[in-house]
Amino acid sequence: RSRDRSKERQRSRDRSRERQRSRDDRSKERQRSRDRSKERQRSRDDRSKERQRKNKDEDDDDIMEVVVVQRKDKEKEPEPEPEKEPEQEKSAMELVEEGDLETYDKTKGVGKHFLRPVTGFFCRACKKLLPTETESINHIKSKIHWDACVQSSKTQKRGAGAVTGGEPAAKKTAK
């Protein structure tokens, strides 16, 4: 009888070890699955970042600067040096009060960085060309533009993990 009990205990220990090995194997498989999932996510993030870099590069190429060079005539008199002008006043665009993307306020503008001066201004958020600065100011105060800025901000955050929507580092100016 004592042998039977001893054998039974041994079998019980063996079954317990087997169950533990099985649990360990399942745990290791779950960990491998999580690791594969994280790797796929990193790969998606990398592809997304690469697309954003390409889009930014392409977006900056949509407007080219044009430089006008005047031909010098041989008999032309030298031009007198222009008088120094006092400090220029700020443009109307610079005087617009900056709003936020939390609440819409028609007296404040948002997303100035979406506007690019051309022969007028082009709003990349709304895909709209605005011929005058006055129209541009009214546009950045509009609900339609505000909605487009909010949508753009959400898209950027989703695609790049909280990309800030501030002013671009370098501004292009039309000449």
N, C-alpha and C. Protein backbone atom coordinates (compact mmCIF):
# COMPACT_ATOMS: atom_id res chain seq x y z
N ARG A 1 0.80 -1.18 0.00
CA ARG A 1 0.00 0.00 0.00
C ARG A 1 0.86 1.27 0.00
N SER A 2 1.83 1.25 0.78
CA SER A 2 2.72 2.40 0.86
C SER A 2 3.38 2.65 -0.49
N ARG A 3 3.73 1.59 -1.21
CA ARG A 3 4.29 1.74 -2.54
C ARG A 3 3.27 2.36 -3.48
N ASP A 4 2.03 1.92 -3.38
CA ASP A 4 0.97 2.46 -4.22
C ASP A 4 0.78 3.96 -3.97
N ARG A 5 0.82 4.32 -2.70
CA ARG A 5 0.69 5.73 -2.36
C ARG A 5 1.88 6.52 -2.90
N SER A 6 3.03 5.96 -2.75
CA SER A 6 4.23 6.62 -3.24
C SER A 6 4.17 6.79 -4.76
N LYS A 7 3.74 5.76 -5.45
CA LYS A 7 3.60 5.85 -6.91
C LYS A 7 2.55 6.88 -7.29
N GLU A 8 1.47 6.89 -6.54
CA GLU A 8 0.40 7.85 -6.80
C GLU A 8 0.90 9.28 -6.59
N ARG A 9 1.65 9.50 -5.53
CA ARG A 9 2.21 10.83 -5.28
C ARG A 9 3.15 11.23 -6.42
N GLN A 10 3.96 10.25 -6.83
CA GLN A 10 4.90 10.53 -7.93
C GLN A 10 4.13 10.91 -9.19
N ARG A 11 3.08 10.16 -9.52
CA ARG A 11 2.26 10.47 -10.69
C ARG A 11 1.63 11.85 -10.56
N SER A 12 1.18 12.18 -9.36
CA SER A 12 0.57 13.49 -9.12
C SER A 12 1.60 14.60 -9.34
N ARG A 13 2.82 14.40 -8.83
CA ARG A 13 3.89 15.37 -9.06
C ARG A 13 4.20 15.50 -10.54
N ASP A 14 4.25 14.38 -11.23
CA ASP A 14 4.52 14.41 -12.68
C ASP A 14 3.44 15.18 -13.43
N ARG A 15 2.17 14.92 -13.08
CA ARG A 15 1.08 15.64 -13.73
C ARG A 15 1.17 17.14 -13.44
N SER A 16 1.52 17.47 -12.20
CA SER A 16 1.66 18.88 -11.82
C SER A 16 2.78 19.54 -12.62
N ARG A 17 3.91 18.86 -12.76
CA ARG A 17 5.01 19.41 -13.55
C ARG A 17 4.60 19.59 -15.02
N GLU A 18 3.87 18.61 -15.53
CA GLU A 18 3.40 18.69 -16.93
C GLU A 18 2.46 19.87 -17.12
N ARG A 19 1.55 20.09 -16.18
CA ARG A 19 0.65 21.23 -16.26
C ARG A 19 1.45 22.54 -16.20
N GLN A 20 2.45 22.58 -15.32
CA GLN A 20 3.28 23.78 -15.21
C GLN A 20 4.04 24.02 -16.51
N ARG A 21 4.61 22.98 -17.11
CA ARG A 21 5.29 23.13 -18.39
C ARG A 21 4.33 23.63 -19.46
N SER A 22 3.13 23.11 -19.46
CA SER A 22 2.12 23.53 -20.42
C SER A 22 1.76 25.00 -20.23
N ARG A 23 1.60 25.43 -18.96
CA ARG A 23 1.32 26.84 -18.68
C ARG A 23 2.49 27.70 -19.13
N ASP A 24 3.71 27.25 -18.85
CA ASP A 24 4.90 28.00 -19.27
C ASP A 24 4.96 28.12 -20.79
N ASP A 25 4.65 27.02 -21.48
CA ASP A 25 4.66 27.05 -22.95
C ASP A 25 3.63 28.03 -23.49
N ARG A 26 2.43 28.01 -22.91
CA ARG A 26 1.40 28.95 -23.35
C ARG A 26 1.81 30.38 -23.06
N SER A 27 2.41 30.62 -21.91
CA SER A 27 2.88 31.95 -21.56
C SER A 27 3.95 32.43 -22.54
N LYS A 28 4.89 31.54 -22.88
CA LYS A 28 5.93 31.90 -23.84
C LYS A 28 5.33 32.19 -25.21
N GLU A 29 4.34 31.41 -25.61
CA GLU A 29 3.69 31.64 -26.91
C GLU A 29 2.95 32.98 -26.91
N ARG A 30 2.28 33.31 -25.82
CA ARG A 30 1.61 34.61 -25.72
C ARG A 30 2.62 35.74 -25.81
N GLN A 31 3.77 35.59 -25.14
CA GLN A 31 4.80 36.61 -25.19
C GLN A 31 5.35 36.76 -26.61
N ARG A 32 5.58 35.65 -27.30
CA ARG A 32 6.05 35.71 -28.69
C ARG A 32 5.01 36.42 -29.56
N SER A 33 3.74 36.12 -29.32
CA SER A 33 2.67 36.76 -30.09
C SER A 33 2.65 38.27 -29.82
N ARG A 34 2.81 38.68 -28.55
CA ARG A 34 2.86 40.11 -28.23
C ARG A 34 4.06 40.77 -28.90
N ASP A 35 5.21 40.08 -28.89
CA ASP A 35 6.41 40.62 -29.53
C ASP A 35 6.19 40.80 -31.03
N ARG A 36 5.57 39.80 -31.68
CA ARG A 36 5.29 39.92 -33.12
C ARG A 36 4.34 41.09 -33.38
N SER A 37 3.34 41.25 -32.52
CA SER A 37 2.39 42.35 -32.67
C SER A 37 3.09 43.70 -32.52
N LYS A 38 3.97 43.82 -31.53
CA LYS A 38 4.72 45.06 -31.35
C LYS A 38 5.60 45.34 -32.55
N GLU A 39 6.22 44.32 -33.09
CA GLU A 39 7.08 44.50 -34.27
C GLU A 39 6.25 44.97 -35.47
N ARG A 40 5.07 44.39 -35.66
CA ARG A 40 4.20 44.83 -36.76
C ARG A 40 3.80 46.29 -36.55
N GLN A 41 3.50 46.68 -35.31
CA GLN A 41 3.12 48.06 -35.02
C GLN A 41 4.28 49.00 -35.30
N ARG A 42 5.50 48.64 -34.88
CA ARG A 42 6.67 49.47 -35.17
C ARG A 42 6.86 49.62 -36.67
N SER A 43 6.65 48.53 -37.40
CA SER A 43 6.79 48.58 -38.85
C SER A 43 5.76 49.52 -39.47
N ARG A 44 4.51 49.44 -38.98
CA ARG A 44 3.46 50.35 -39.48
C ARG A 44 3.81 51.79 -39.14
N ASP A 45 4.29 52.02 -37.91
CA ASP A 45 4.68 53.37 -37.51
C ASP A 45 5.80 53.90 -38.39
N ASP A 46 6.79 53.05 -38.67
CA ASP A 46 7.90 53.47 -39.52
C ASP A 46 7.41 53.83 -40.92
N ARG A 47 6.52 53.00 -41.48
CA ARG A 47 5.98 53.30 -42.80
C ARG A 47 5.18 54.59 -42.78
N SER A 48 4.41 54.80 -41.72
CA SER A 48 3.61 56.02 -41.59
C SER A 48 4.52 57.25 -41.52
N LYS A 49 5.58 57.17 -40.72
CA LYS A 49 6.51 58.29 -40.61
C LYS A 49 7.17 58.58 -41.95
N GLU A 50 7.52 57.51 -42.67
CA GLU A 50 8.15 57.69 -43.98
C GLU A 50 7.19 58.36 -44.95
N ARG A 51 5.91 57.94 -44.94
CA ARG A 51 4.90 58.57 -45.80
C ARG A 51 4.75 60.05 -45.45
N GLN A 52 4.74 60.36 -44.15
CA GLN A 52 4.61 61.75 -43.74
C GLN A 52 5.80 62.58 -44.21
N ARG A 53 7.01 62.02 -44.09
CA ARG A 53 8.19 62.73 -44.57
C ARG A 53 8.08 62.99 -46.07
N LYS A 54 7.67 61.96 -46.83
CA LYS A 54 7.51 62.12 -48.28
C LYS A 54 6.45 63.15 -48.59
N ASN A 55 5.31 63.08 -47.89
CA ASN A 55 4.22 64.04 -48.13
C ASN A 55 4.67 65.45 -47.82
N LYS A 56 5.44 65.62 -46.75
CA LYS A 56 5.92 66.95 -46.41
C LYS A 56 6.86 67.46 -47.49
N ASP A 57 7.76 66.57 -47.96
CA ASP A 57 8.68 66.97 -49.02
C ASP A 57 7.91 67.33 -50.29
N GLU A 58 6.92 66.51 -50.63
CA GLU A 58 6.12 66.77 -51.84
C GLU A 58 5.30 68.04 -51.67
N ASP A 59 4.77 68.26 -50.46
CA ASP A 59 3.92 69.41 -50.20
C ASP A 59 4.72 70.70 -50.37
N ASP A 60 5.97 70.67 -49.98
CA ASP A 60 6.79 71.87 -50.12
C ASP A 60 7.15 72.17 -51.56
N ASP A 61 6.97 71.19 -52.45
CA ASP A 61 7.33 71.38 -53.85
C ASP A 61 6.18 71.90 -54.70
N ASP A 62 4.99 72.11 -54.12
CA ASP A 62 3.86 72.48 -54.94
C ASP A 62 3.89 73.93 -55.42
N ILE A 63 4.70 74.76 -54.84
CA ILE A 63 4.82 76.14 -55.28
C ILE A 63 6.30 76.45 -55.45
N MET A 64 6.63 76.95 -56.60
CA MET A 64 8.02 77.28 -56.86
C MET A 64 8.21 78.78 -56.78
N GLU A 65 9.37 79.23 -56.36
CA GLU A 65 9.67 80.65 -56.32
C GLU A 65 10.13 81.10 -57.69
N VAL A 66 9.75 82.28 -58.04
CA VAL A 66 10.17 82.86 -59.31
C VAL A 66 10.99 84.09 -59.00
N VAL A 67 12.18 84.15 -59.54
CA VAL A 67 13.05 85.30 -59.34
C VAL A 67 13.14 86.05 -60.66
N VAL A 68 12.86 87.34 -60.63
CA VAL A 68 12.92 88.16 -61.83
C VAL A 68 14.24 88.91 -61.80
N VAL A 69 15.02 88.73 -62.84
CA VAL A 69 16.31 89.40 -62.94
C VAL A 69 16.18 90.47 -64.01
N GLN A 70 16.54 91.68 -63.65
CA GLN A 70 16.47 92.77 -64.63
C GLN A 70 17.79 92.85 -65.38
N ARG A 71 17.68 93.09 -66.67
CA ARG A 71 18.87 93.21 -67.51
C ARG A 71 19.48 94.61 -67.28
N LYS A 72 20.78 94.64 -67.12
CA LYS A 72 21.47 95.91 -66.93
C LYS A 72 21.84 96.49 -68.30
N ASP A 73 21.48 97.72 -68.51
CA ASP A 73 21.88 98.39 -69.74
C ASP A 73 23.27 98.99 -69.54
N LYS A 74 24.06 99.02 -70.60
CA LYS A 74 25.43 99.52 -70.51
C LYS A 74 25.48 101.00 -70.17
N GLU A 75 24.54 101.76 -70.68
CA GLU A 75 24.58 103.21 -70.49
C GLU A 75 23.72 103.66 -69.31
N LYS A 76 23.29 102.75 -68.53
CA LYS A 76 22.40 103.08 -67.42
C LYS A 76 23.18 103.77 -66.31
N GLU A 77 22.60 104.81 -65.76
CA GLU A 77 23.23 105.54 -64.67
C GLU A 77 23.12 104.73 -63.39
N PRO A 78 24.11 104.86 -62.53
CA PRO A 78 24.01 104.13 -61.26
C PRO A 78 22.84 104.67 -60.45
N GLU A 79 22.14 103.73 -59.82
CA GLU A 79 20.98 104.11 -59.02
C GLU A 79 21.42 104.67 -57.69
N PRO A 80 20.77 105.74 -57.25
CA PRO A 80 21.12 106.26 -55.92
C PRO A 80 20.67 105.25 -54.85
N GLU A 81 21.38 105.24 -53.73
CA GLU A 81 21.02 104.31 -52.66
C GLU A 81 19.67 104.70 -52.09
N PRO A 82 18.81 103.72 -51.90
CA PRO A 82 17.49 104.05 -51.36
C PRO A 82 17.62 104.54 -49.91
N GLU A 83 16.71 105.43 -49.58
CA GLU A 83 16.70 105.94 -48.21
C GLU A 83 16.20 104.85 -47.28
N LYS A 84 16.75 104.84 -46.09
CA LYS A 84 16.31 103.84 -45.12
C LYS A 84 14.91 104.21 -44.66
N GLU A 85 14.06 103.21 -44.71
CA GLU A 85 12.67 103.44 -44.30
C GLU A 85 12.54 103.15 -42.81
N PRO A 86 11.65 103.85 -42.16
CA PRO A 86 11.41 103.51 -40.75
C PRO A 86 10.81 102.11 -40.67
N GLU A 87 10.78 101.55 -39.48
CA GLU A 87 10.26 100.20 -39.30
C GLU A 87 8.89 100.06 -39.96
N GLN A 88 8.75 98.97 -40.71
CA GLN A 88 7.47 98.75 -41.38
C GLN A 88 6.42 98.35 -40.35
N GLU A 89 5.21 98.80 -40.59
CA GLU A 89 4.13 98.42 -39.71
C GLU A 89 3.79 96.96 -39.97
N LYS A 90 3.21 96.33 -38.97
CA LYS A 90 2.84 94.93 -39.13
C LYS A 90 1.68 94.83 -40.10
N SER A 91 1.70 93.75 -40.89
CA SER A 91 0.60 93.54 -41.83
C SER A 91 -0.66 93.14 -41.06
N ALA A 92 -1.77 93.21 -41.72
CA ALA A 92 -3.04 92.84 -41.09
C ALA A 92 -3.01 91.37 -40.66
N MET A 93 -2.32 90.55 -41.45
CA MET A 93 -2.23 89.12 -41.13
C MET A 93 -1.48 88.91 -39.81
N GLU A 94 -0.46 89.70 -39.57
CA GLU A 94 0.31 89.56 -38.34
C GLU A 94 -0.46 90.06 -37.12
N LEU A 95 -1.44 90.90 -37.34
CA LEU A 95 -2.21 91.46 -36.24
C LEU A 95 -3.38 90.58 -35.82
N VAL A 96 -3.69 89.54 -36.59
CA VAL A 96 -4.82 88.67 -36.26
C VAL A 96 -4.50 87.90 -34.98
N GLU A 97 -5.44 87.93 -34.05
CA GLU A 97 -5.26 87.23 -32.78
C GLU A 97 -5.37 85.72 -33.02
N GLU A 98 -4.45 84.97 -32.41
CA GLU A 98 -4.39 83.51 -32.59
C GLU A 98 -5.43 82.83 -31.72
N GLY A 99 -6.24 81.97 -32.33
CA GLY A 99 -7.25 81.22 -31.59
C GLY A 99 -6.72 79.85 -31.23
N ASP A 100 -7.60 78.97 -30.75
CA ASP A 100 -7.19 77.60 -30.43
C ASP A 100 -8.15 76.62 -31.09
N LEU A 101 -7.77 75.35 -31.07
CA LEU A 101 -8.57 74.32 -31.74
C LEU A 101 -9.58 73.67 -30.79
N GLU A 102 -9.68 74.19 -29.59
CA GLU A 102 -10.64 73.63 -28.64
C GLU A 102 -12.04 74.19 -28.86
N THR A 103 -12.12 75.51 -29.04
CA THR A 103 -13.43 76.15 -29.26
C THR A 103 -13.30 77.14 -30.41
N TYR A 104 -14.34 77.22 -31.21
CA TYR A 104 -14.34 78.13 -32.36
C TYR A 104 -14.71 79.53 -31.91
N ASP A 105 -13.95 80.51 -32.38
CA ASP A 105 -14.25 81.92 -32.12
C ASP A 105 -14.02 82.67 -33.43
N LYS A 106 -15.09 83.27 -33.98
CA LYS A 106 -14.98 83.88 -35.30
C LYS A 106 -14.13 85.14 -35.32
N THR A 107 -13.74 85.64 -34.16
CA THR A 107 -12.88 86.83 -34.12
C THR A 107 -11.40 86.47 -34.10
N LYS A 108 -11.08 85.20 -33.94
CA LYS A 108 -9.69 84.77 -33.85
C LYS A 108 -9.37 83.82 -35.00
N GLY A 109 -8.14 83.84 -35.42
CA GLY A 109 -7.71 82.99 -36.52
C GLY A 109 -6.92 81.78 -36.03
N VAL A 110 -7.04 80.69 -36.74
CA VAL A 110 -6.23 79.50 -36.45
C VAL A 110 -5.60 79.00 -37.74
N GLY A 111 -4.51 78.30 -37.63
CA GLY A 111 -3.89 77.64 -38.78
C GLY A 111 -3.28 78.57 -39.79
N LYS A 112 -2.64 79.65 -39.35
CA LYS A 112 -1.98 80.55 -40.30
C LYS A 112 -0.94 79.81 -41.11
N HIS A 113 -0.35 78.77 -40.50
CA HIS A 113 0.71 78.04 -41.19
C HIS A 113 0.18 77.24 -42.39
N PHE A 114 -1.15 77.12 -42.51
CA PHE A 114 -1.71 76.45 -43.69
C PHE A 114 -1.77 77.41 -44.89
N LEU A 115 -1.61 78.69 -44.65
CA LEU A 115 -1.67 79.67 -45.72
C LEU A 115 -0.27 79.90 -46.28
N ARG A 116 -0.18 80.01 -47.57
CA ARG A 116 1.09 80.28 -48.22
C ARG A 116 0.87 81.41 -49.21
N PRO A 117 1.62 82.49 -49.08
CA PRO A 117 1.42 83.58 -50.01
C PRO A 117 1.88 83.22 -51.42
N VAL A 118 1.01 83.42 -52.37
CA VAL A 118 1.33 83.26 -53.79
C VAL A 118 0.81 84.55 -54.41
N THR A 119 0.10 84.48 -55.49
CA THR A 119 -0.59 85.68 -55.94
C THR A 119 -1.91 85.63 -55.17
N GLY A 120 -1.79 85.86 -53.91
CA GLY A 120 -2.86 85.64 -52.97
C GLY A 120 -2.34 84.65 -51.95
N PHE A 121 -3.23 83.88 -51.36
CA PHE A 121 -2.86 82.89 -50.36
C PHE A 121 -3.56 81.58 -50.68
N PHE A 122 -2.84 80.47 -50.49
CA PHE A 122 -3.43 79.15 -50.69
C PHE A 122 -3.51 78.46 -49.35
N CYS A 123 -4.71 78.05 -48.95
CA CYS A 123 -4.90 77.34 -47.69
C CYS A 123 -4.81 75.85 -47.97
N ARG A 124 -3.78 75.20 -47.44
CA ARG A 124 -3.59 73.76 -47.67
C ARG A 124 -4.62 72.94 -46.91
N ALA A 125 -5.13 73.46 -45.79
CA ALA A 125 -6.13 72.72 -45.02
C ALA A 125 -7.44 72.62 -45.80
N CYS A 126 -7.84 73.73 -46.41
CA CYS A 126 -9.12 73.79 -47.13
C CYS A 126 -8.97 73.63 -48.64
N LYS A 127 -7.72 73.63 -49.11
CA LYS A 127 -7.43 73.56 -50.55
C LYS A 127 -8.12 74.71 -51.28
N LYS A 128 -7.92 75.91 -50.76
CA LYS A 128 -8.61 77.08 -51.30
C LYS A 128 -7.62 78.20 -51.56
N LEU A 129 -7.73 78.84 -52.73
CA LEU A 129 -6.88 79.97 -53.08
C LEU A 129 -7.64 81.26 -52.76
N LEU A 130 -6.98 82.13 -51.99
CA LEU A 130 -7.59 83.37 -51.56
C LEU A 130 -6.77 84.51 -52.14
N PRO A 131 -7.35 85.34 -53.00
CA PRO A 131 -6.57 86.33 -53.74
C PRO A 131 -6.03 87.50 -52.92
N THR A 132 -6.68 87.86 -51.81
CA THR A 132 -6.22 89.03 -51.06
C THR A 132 -5.99 88.67 -49.60
N GLU A 133 -5.21 89.51 -48.95
CA GLU A 133 -4.93 89.29 -47.54
C GLU A 133 -6.21 89.43 -46.71
N THR A 134 -7.07 90.36 -47.10
CA THR A 134 -8.33 90.55 -46.37
C THR A 134 -9.19 89.29 -46.44
N GLU A 135 -9.29 88.70 -47.63
CA GLU A 135 -10.06 87.46 -47.76
C GLU A 135 -9.41 86.33 -46.96
N SER A 136 -8.08 86.33 -46.92
CA SER A 136 -7.37 85.30 -46.16
C SER A 136 -7.66 85.43 -44.67
N ILE A 137 -7.67 86.67 -44.19
CA ILE A 137 -7.98 86.91 -42.78
C ILE A 137 -9.39 86.44 -42.46
N ASN A 138 -10.34 86.81 -43.32
CA ASN A 138 -11.71 86.35 -43.11
C ASN A 138 -11.79 84.83 -43.17
N HIS A 139 -10.99 84.24 -44.07
CA HIS A 139 -11.02 82.78 -44.21
C HIS A 139 -10.52 82.09 -42.95
N ILE A 140 -9.38 82.55 -42.38
CA ILE A 140 -8.86 81.85 -41.20
C ILE A 140 -9.72 82.07 -39.96
N LYS A 141 -10.66 82.99 -40.04
CA LYS A 141 -11.61 83.20 -38.95
C LYS A 141 -12.90 82.41 -39.17
N SER A 142 -13.03 81.78 -40.33
CA SER A 142 -14.29 81.11 -40.67
C SER A 142 -14.41 79.75 -39.98
N LYS A 143 -15.64 79.33 -39.79
CA LYS A 143 -15.94 78.03 -39.17
C LYS A 143 -15.46 76.90 -40.07
N ILE A 144 -15.60 77.05 -41.38
CA ILE A 144 -15.17 76.01 -42.33
C ILE A 144 -13.67 75.76 -42.18
N HIS A 145 -12.88 76.83 -42.11
CA HIS A 145 -11.43 76.69 -41.96
C HIS A 145 -11.10 76.09 -40.59
N TRP A 146 -11.78 76.54 -39.56
CA TRP A 146 -11.55 76.01 -38.22
C TRP A 146 -11.79 74.51 -38.21
N ASP A 147 -12.91 74.06 -38.80
CA ASP A 147 -13.22 72.62 -38.87
C ASP A 147 -12.12 71.87 -39.61
N ALA A 148 -11.63 72.43 -40.70
CA ALA A 148 -10.56 71.78 -41.47
C ALA A 148 -9.28 71.69 -40.65
N CYS A 149 -8.97 72.71 -39.86
CA CYS A 149 -7.78 72.69 -39.00
C CYS A 149 -7.92 71.62 -37.91
N VAL A 150 -9.10 71.53 -37.32
CA VAL A 150 -9.34 70.51 -36.29
C VAL A 150 -9.17 69.12 -36.91
N GLN A 151 -9.75 68.92 -38.09
CA GLN A 151 -9.65 67.63 -38.77
C GLN A 151 -8.18 67.32 -39.09
N SER A 152 -7.46 68.29 -39.58
CA SER A 152 -6.05 68.09 -39.92
C SER A 152 -5.24 67.76 -38.67
N SER A 153 -5.54 68.43 -37.57
CA SER A 153 -4.84 68.18 -36.32
C SER A 153 -5.09 66.75 -35.84
N LYS A 154 -6.32 66.29 -35.93
CA LYS A 154 -6.65 64.92 -35.52
C LYS A 154 -5.95 63.91 -36.41
N THR A 155 -5.91 64.17 -37.71
CA THR A 155 -5.26 63.27 -38.65
C THR A 155 -3.77 63.18 -38.35
N GLN A 156 -3.13 64.32 -38.07
CA GLN A 156 -1.70 64.32 -37.77
C GLN A 156 -1.42 63.57 -36.48
N LYS A 157 -2.23 63.78 -35.47
CA LYS A 157 -2.01 63.10 -34.19
C LYS A 157 -2.17 61.60 -34.35
N ARG A 158 -3.18 61.17 -35.13
CA ARG A 158 -3.41 59.76 -35.34
C ARG A 158 -2.27 59.13 -36.13
N GLY A 159 -1.79 59.85 -37.14
CA GLY A 159 -0.77 59.29 -38.02
C GLY A 159 0.63 59.34 -37.47
N ALA A 160 0.94 60.28 -36.60
CA ALA A 160 2.34 60.43 -36.17
C ALA A 160 2.51 60.41 -34.68
N GLY A 161 1.51 60.06 -33.94
CA GLY A 161 1.66 60.03 -32.50
C GLY A 161 1.89 61.41 -31.92
N ALA A 162 0.90 62.26 -31.99
CA ALA A 162 0.91 63.60 -31.39
C ALA A 162 1.93 64.53 -32.03
N VAL A 163 1.78 64.73 -33.29
CA VAL A 163 2.61 65.72 -33.98
C VAL A 163 2.11 67.09 -33.61
N THR A 164 3.00 67.99 -33.31
CA THR A 164 2.55 69.33 -32.94
C THR A 164 2.15 70.08 -34.19
N GLY A 165 1.14 70.92 -34.07
CA GLY A 165 0.63 71.64 -35.23
C GLY A 165 1.03 73.09 -35.23
N GLY A 166 2.23 73.42 -34.80
CA GLY A 166 2.68 74.80 -34.74
C GLY A 166 3.09 75.31 -36.10
N GLU A 167 3.70 76.48 -36.08
CA GLU A 167 4.17 77.10 -37.30
C GLU A 167 5.30 76.27 -37.88
N PRO A 168 5.45 76.21 -39.20
CA PRO A 168 6.56 75.48 -39.78
C PRO A 168 7.87 76.15 -39.45
N ALA A 169 8.95 75.35 -39.45
CA ALA A 169 10.26 75.87 -39.07
C ALA A 169 10.73 76.97 -40.02
N ALA A 170 10.54 76.78 -41.32
CA ALA A 170 11.00 77.78 -42.28
C ALA A 170 9.82 78.19 -43.14
N LYS A 171 9.67 79.49 -43.36
CA LYS A 171 8.56 79.98 -44.19
C LYS A 171 9.10 80.31 -45.56
N LYS A 172 8.31 80.02 -46.59
CA LYS A 172 8.65 80.45 -47.94
C LYS A 172 7.92 81.74 -48.21
N THR A 173 8.55 82.62 -48.91
CA THR A 173 7.89 83.88 -49.26
C THR A 173 7.86 84.02 -50.77
N ALA A 174 6.79 84.54 -51.27
CA ALA A 174 6.67 84.77 -52.71
C ALA A 174 7.40 86.07 -53.06
N LYS A 175 8.08 86.07 -54.17
CA LYS A 175 8.82 87.27 -54.58
C LYS A 175 8.19 87.86 -55.82
